[in-house]
C-alpha atoms as a PDB file:
ATOM      1  CA  MET A   1     -22.904 118.377 164.560  1.00  0.00           C
ATOM      2  CA  ASP A   2     -24.433 116.984 161.413  1.00  0.00           C
ATOM      3  CA  HIS A   3     -22.637 113.518 161.690  1.00  0.00           C
ATOM      4  CA  ALA A   4     -24.384 112.254 164.886  1.00  0.00           C
ATOM      5  CA  ALA A   5     -27.394 113.417 164.155  1.00  0.00           C
ATOM      6  CA  ILE A   6     -27.228 111.610 160.931  1.00  0.00           C
ATOM      7  CA  ALA A   7     -25.859 108.769 162.135  1.00  0.00           C
ATOM      8  CA  ASP A   8     -28.838 108.631 164.807  1.00  0.00           C
ATOM      9  CA  PHE A   9     -31.307 109.109 162.247  1.00  0.00           C
ATOM     10  CA  ASN A  10     -29.853 106.501 160.249  1.00  0.00           C
ATOM     11  CA  GLN A  11     -30.343 103.907 163.100  1.00  0.00           C
ATOM     12  CA  ARG A  12     -33.660 105.278 163.891  1.00  0.00           C
ATOM     13  CA  LEU A  13     -34.761 104.892 160.524  1.00  0.00           C
ATOM     14  CA  ALA A  14     -33.804 101.066 160.575  1.00  0.00           C
ATOM     15  CA  TRP A  15     -35.422 100.528 163.379  1.00  0.00           C
ATOM     16  CA  GLU A  16     -38.945 102.152 162.593  1.00  0.00           C
ATOM     17  CA  THR A  17     -39.355 100.803 158.972  1.00  0.00           C
ATOM     18  CA  GLU A  18     -37.469  97.414 159.719  1.00  0.00           C
ATOM     19  CA  GLN A  19     -37.206  96.800 163.252  1.00  0.00           C
ATOM     20  CA  LEU A  20     -33.760  96.415 162.580  1.00  0.00           C
ATOM     21  CA  ARG A  21     -30.771  97.330 164.800  1.00  0.00           C
ATOM     22  CA  LEU A  22     -27.759  98.962 163.077  1.00  0.00           C
ATOM     23  CA  ASP A  23     -24.131  98.516 164.458  1.00  0.00           C
ATOM     24  CA  SER A  24     -23.506 101.943 165.714  1.00  0.00           C
ATOM     25  CA  ALA A  25     -20.044 101.769 164.639  1.00  0.00           C
ATOM     26  CA  THR A  26     -20.351 101.050 161.154  1.00  0.00           C
ATOM     27  CA  VAL A  27     -23.545 103.454 160.472  1.00  0.00           C
ATOM     28  CA  SER A  28     -21.399 106.275 161.922  1.00  0.00           C
ATOM     29  CA  ALA A  29     -18.396 105.510 159.457  1.00  0.00           C
ATOM     30  CA  GLY A  30     -20.449 105.388 157.078  1.00  0.00           C
ATOM     31  CA  VAL A  31     -21.616 108.186 157.435  1.00  0.00           C
ATOM     32  CA  GLN A  32     -18.154 109.674 157.794  1.00  0.00           C
ATOM     33  CA  ALA A  33     -17.634 108.505 154.806  1.00  0.00           C
ATOM     34  CA  VAL A  34     -20.060 110.677 152.689  1.00  0.00           C
ATOM     35  CA  LEU A  35     -19.235 113.778 154.947  1.00  0.00           C
ATOM     36  CA  THR A  36     -15.689 113.116 153.492  1.00  0.00           C
ATOM     37  CA  GLN A  37     -16.009 111.550 150.127  1.00  0.00           C
ATOM     38  CA  PRO A  38     -18.280 113.057 147.805  1.00  0.00           C
ATOM     39  CA  ARG A  39     -17.967 110.099 145.290  1.00  0.00           C
ATOM     40  CA  HIS A  40     -20.380 108.022 147.913  1.00  0.00           C
ATOM     41  CA  GLY A  41     -22.917 110.812 147.514  1.00  0.00           C
ATOM     42  CA  ILE A  42     -24.247 113.937 149.572  1.00  0.00           C
ATOM     43  CA  TYR A  43     -26.773 114.509 152.699  1.00  0.00           C
ATOM     44  CA  PHE A  44     -29.172 117.291 152.952  1.00  0.00           C
ATOM     45  CA  VAL A  45     -30.135 118.303 156.209  1.00  0.00           C
ATOM     46  CA  ALA A  46     -33.117 120.192 157.334  1.00  0.00           C
ATOM     47  CA  VAL A  47     -32.261 122.507 160.565  1.00  0.00           C
ATOM     48  CA  ALA A  48     -34.489 124.084 163.248  1.00  0.00           C
ATOM     49  CA  GLU A  49     -34.026 125.677 166.450  1.00  0.00           C
ATOM     50  CA  GLY A  50     -29.995 124.949 166.112  1.00  0.00           C
ATOM     51  CA  ARG A  51     -30.423 121.099 165.457  1.00  0.00           C
ATOM     52  CA  VAL A  52     -31.282 118.810 162.611  1.00  0.00           C
ATOM     53  CA  ILE A  53     -34.597 117.938 162.176  1.00  0.00           C
ATOM     54  CA  GLY A  54     -34.723 115.725 158.986  1.00  0.00           C
ATOM     55  CA  GLN A  55     -32.097 114.365 156.600  1.00  0.00           C
ATOM     56  CA  CYS A  56     -32.195 113.259 152.964  1.00  0.00           C
ATOM     57  CA  SER A  57     -29.078 111.404 151.570  1.00  0.00           C
ATOM     58  CA  VAL A  58     -28.474 110.982 147.458  1.00  0.00           C
ATOM     59  CA  THR A  59     -26.281 108.414 145.917  1.00  0.00           C
ATOM     60  CA  TYR A  60     -25.648 108.555 142.227  1.00  0.00           C
ATOM     61  CA  GLU A  61     -26.122 105.772 139.153  1.00  0.00           C
ATOM     62  CA  TRP A  62     -25.399 106.384 135.856  1.00  0.00           C
ATOM     63  CA  SER A  63     -27.778 105.498 133.218  1.00  0.00           C
ATOM     64  CA  ASP A  64     -26.409 104.615 129.961  1.00  0.00           C
ATOM     65  CA  TRP A  65     -30.678 104.092 128.662  1.00  0.00           C
ATOM     66  CA  ARG A  66     -30.615 107.794 129.705  1.00  0.00           C
ATOM     67  CA  ASN A  67     -26.876 109.080 129.158  1.00  0.00           C
ATOM     68  CA  GLY A  68     -27.625 110.551 132.344  1.00  0.00           C
ATOM     69  CA  GLU A  69     -27.017 110.204 135.920  1.00  0.00           C
ATOM     70  CA  LEU A  70     -30.195 109.079 138.341  1.00  0.00           C
ATOM     71  CA  TRP A  71     -29.950 110.358 141.618  1.00  0.00           C
ATOM     72  CA  TRP A  72     -31.153 107.581 144.430  1.00  0.00           C
ATOM     73  CA  LEU A  73     -33.096 109.611 147.393  1.00  0.00           C
ATOM     74  CA  GLN A  74     -31.932 107.464 150.807  1.00  0.00           C
ATOM     75  CA  SER A  75     -32.026 107.576 154.453  1.00  0.00           C
ATOM     76  CA  VAL A  76     -34.914 109.774 154.469  1.00  0.00           C
ATOM     77  CA  TYR A  77     -36.117 110.501 157.754  1.00  0.00           C
ATOM     78  CA  VAL A  78     -37.843 113.408 159.856  1.00  0.00           C
ATOM     79  CA  ASP A  79     -37.796 113.782 163.317  1.00  0.00           C
ATOM     80  CA  ALA A  80     -41.085 112.345 164.727  1.00  0.00           C
ATOM     81  CA  ALA A  81     -41.894 115.867 166.503  1.00  0.00           C
ATOM     82  CA  TRP A  82     -41.537 117.752 163.334  1.00  0.00           C
ATOM     83  CA  ARG A  83     -43.219 115.079 160.548  1.00  0.00           C
ATOM     84  CA  GLY A  84     -46.531 116.968 158.689  1.00  0.00           C
ATOM     85  CA  GLN A  85     -44.737 120.489 159.198  1.00  0.00           C
ATOM     86  CA  GLY A  86     -43.094 120.747 155.471  1.00  0.00           C
ATOM     87  CA  VAL A  87     -40.040 119.297 156.522  1.00  0.00           C
ATOM     88  CA  PHE A  88     -39.730 116.357 153.689  1.00  0.00           C
ATOM     89  CA  ARG A  89     -40.902 118.879 151.253  1.00  0.00           C
ATOM     90  CA  ALA A  90     -38.285 121.250 152.082  1.00  0.00           C
ATOM     91  CA  LEU A  91     -35.794 118.645 151.612  1.00  0.00           C
ATOM     92  CA  PHE A  92     -37.325 117.404 148.580  1.00  0.00           C
ATOM     93  CA  GLU A  93     -37.628 120.348 146.731  1.00  0.00           C
ATOM     94  CA  ALA A  94     -33.762 120.932 147.604  1.00  0.00           C
ATOM     95  CA  VAL A  95     -32.481 117.938 145.967  1.00  0.00           C
ATOM     96  CA  GLU A  96     -34.927 118.160 143.176  1.00  0.00           C
ATOM     97  CA  ARG A  97     -33.667 121.496 142.465  1.00  0.00           C
ATOM     98  CA  THR A  98     -30.216 120.731 143.139  1.00  0.00           C
ATOM     99  CA  ALA A  99     -30.401 117.618 140.826  1.00  0.00           C
ATOM    100  CA  GLY A 100     -31.784 119.391 138.088  1.00  0.00           C
ATOM    101  CA  GLU A 101     -29.223 122.153 138.215  1.00  0.00           C
ATOM    102  CA  ALA A 102     -26.195 119.315 138.107  1.00  0.00           C
ATOM    103  CA  GLY A 103     -28.009 117.947 135.202  1.00  0.00           C
ATOM    104  CA  ALA A 104     -29.331 114.864 136.301  1.00  0.00           C
ATOM    105  CA  VAL A 105     -31.801 112.843 134.094  1.00  0.00           C
ATOM    106  CA  GLY A 106     -34.779 111.688 137.267  1.00  0.00           C
ATOM    107  CA  LEU A 107     -34.698 110.929 141.026  1.00  0.00           C
ATOM    108  CA  ARG A 108     -35.570 107.371 142.486  1.00  0.00           C
ATOM    109  CA  LEU A 109     -35.953 106.001 145.960  1.00  0.00           C
ATOM    110  CA  TYR A 110     -37.034 102.510 147.375  1.00  0.00           C
ATOM    111  CA  VAL A 111     -39.272 102.193 150.075  1.00  0.00           C
ATOM    112  CA  GLU A 112     -40.420  99.472 152.242  1.00  0.00           C
ATOM    113  CA  GLU A 113     -43.420  97.776 150.905  1.00  0.00           C
ATOM    114  CA  ASN A 114     -45.482  98.333 153.845  1.00  0.00           C
ATOM    115  CA  ASN A 115     -44.567 101.719 154.570  1.00  0.00           C
ATOM    116  CA  GLU A 116     -47.865 103.501 152.956  1.00  0.00           C
ATOM    117  CA  GLY A 117     -47.024 106.882 154.787  1.00  0.00           C
ATOM    118  CA  ALA A 118     -43.739 107.146 152.987  1.00  0.00           C
ATOM    119  CA  GLN A 119     -45.464 105.488 150.006  1.00  0.00           C
ATOM    120  CA  ALA A 120     -47.821 108.433 150.002  1.00  0.00           C
ATOM    121  CA  THR A 121     -45.639 111.078 150.654  1.00  0.00           C
ATOM    122  CA  TYR A 122     -43.829 110.081 147.894  1.00  0.00           C
ATOM    123  CA  ARG A 123     -46.682 110.476 145.139  1.00  0.00           C
ATOM    124  CA  ARG A 124     -47.700 113.533 146.385  1.00  0.00           C
ATOM    125  CA  HIS A 125     -44.054 115.009 145.428  1.00  0.00           C
ATOM    126  CA  GLY A 126     -44.891 113.620 141.930  1.00  0.00           C
ATOM    127  CA  MET A 127     -43.031 110.255 142.036  1.00  0.00           C
ATOM    128  CA  GLU A 128     -44.572 107.081 140.669  1.00  0.00           C
ATOM    129  CA  LYS A 129     -44.097 103.650 141.351  1.00  0.00           C
ATOM    130  CA  THR A 130     -42.018 101.812 139.178  1.00  0.00           C
ATOM    131  CA  HIS A 131     -42.326  98.386 137.362  1.00  0.00           C
ATOM    132  CA  TYR A 132     -39.177  97.380 138.836  1.00  0.00           C
ATOM    133  CA  LEU A 133     -38.293  95.248 142.136  1.00  0.00           C
ATOM    134  CA  VAL A 134     -35.159  95.505 144.104  1.00  0.00           C
ATOM    135  CA  TYR A 135     -32.814  92.487 144.419  1.00  0.00           C
ATOM    136  CA  GLU A 136     -29.668  92.501 146.778  1.00  0.00           C
ATOM    137  CA  LYS A 137     -26.981  89.806 148.069  1.00  0.00           C
ATOM    138  CA  THR A 138     -24.973  91.006 150.761  1.00  0.00           C
ATOM    139  CA  LEU A 139     -21.410  90.483 150.609  1.00  0.00           C
ATOM    140  CA  GLY A 140     -19.377  89.981 153.852  1.00  0.00           C
ATOM    141  CA  THR A 141     -20.755  88.313 156.890  1.00  0.00           C
ATOM    142  CA  ASP A 142     -20.874  91.419 158.971  1.00  0.00           C
ATOM    143  CA  ARG A 143     -23.358  93.708 156.794  1.00  0.00           C
ATOM    144  CA  PRO A 144     -27.160  93.884 157.330  1.00  0.00           C
ATOM    145  CA  ALA A 145     -29.441  92.713 155.039  1.00  0.00           C
END
């Protein structure tokens, strides 16, 4: 059940934030990779009324500067009908607690620069805008930018 919901939410997220249509088969395989290979990350999901209503994935980055692991929050999505009802708060608190128990040294995320609603939400949860910019080079021609 979680696999299909997570893949669907990932596609909704890409469309809502960037008007980007993702390839369903690629997204499905990517979700399956995380679910079956923990080195890729972990999903946190919020469930109500027997279905997934929110999600957040975490991937890991080793920081030699801090001698510890940073947890990157990714694929953050709450079903529109459930927004403003504490779903993200519950997900964030679960991630924060689990990261602390695992010895992580920090939480990070990237957010679309015009997504002011998400940015305000992250600030309310104690996250701060950093001085870093994200650069990327896509490898291969069949992957979205």
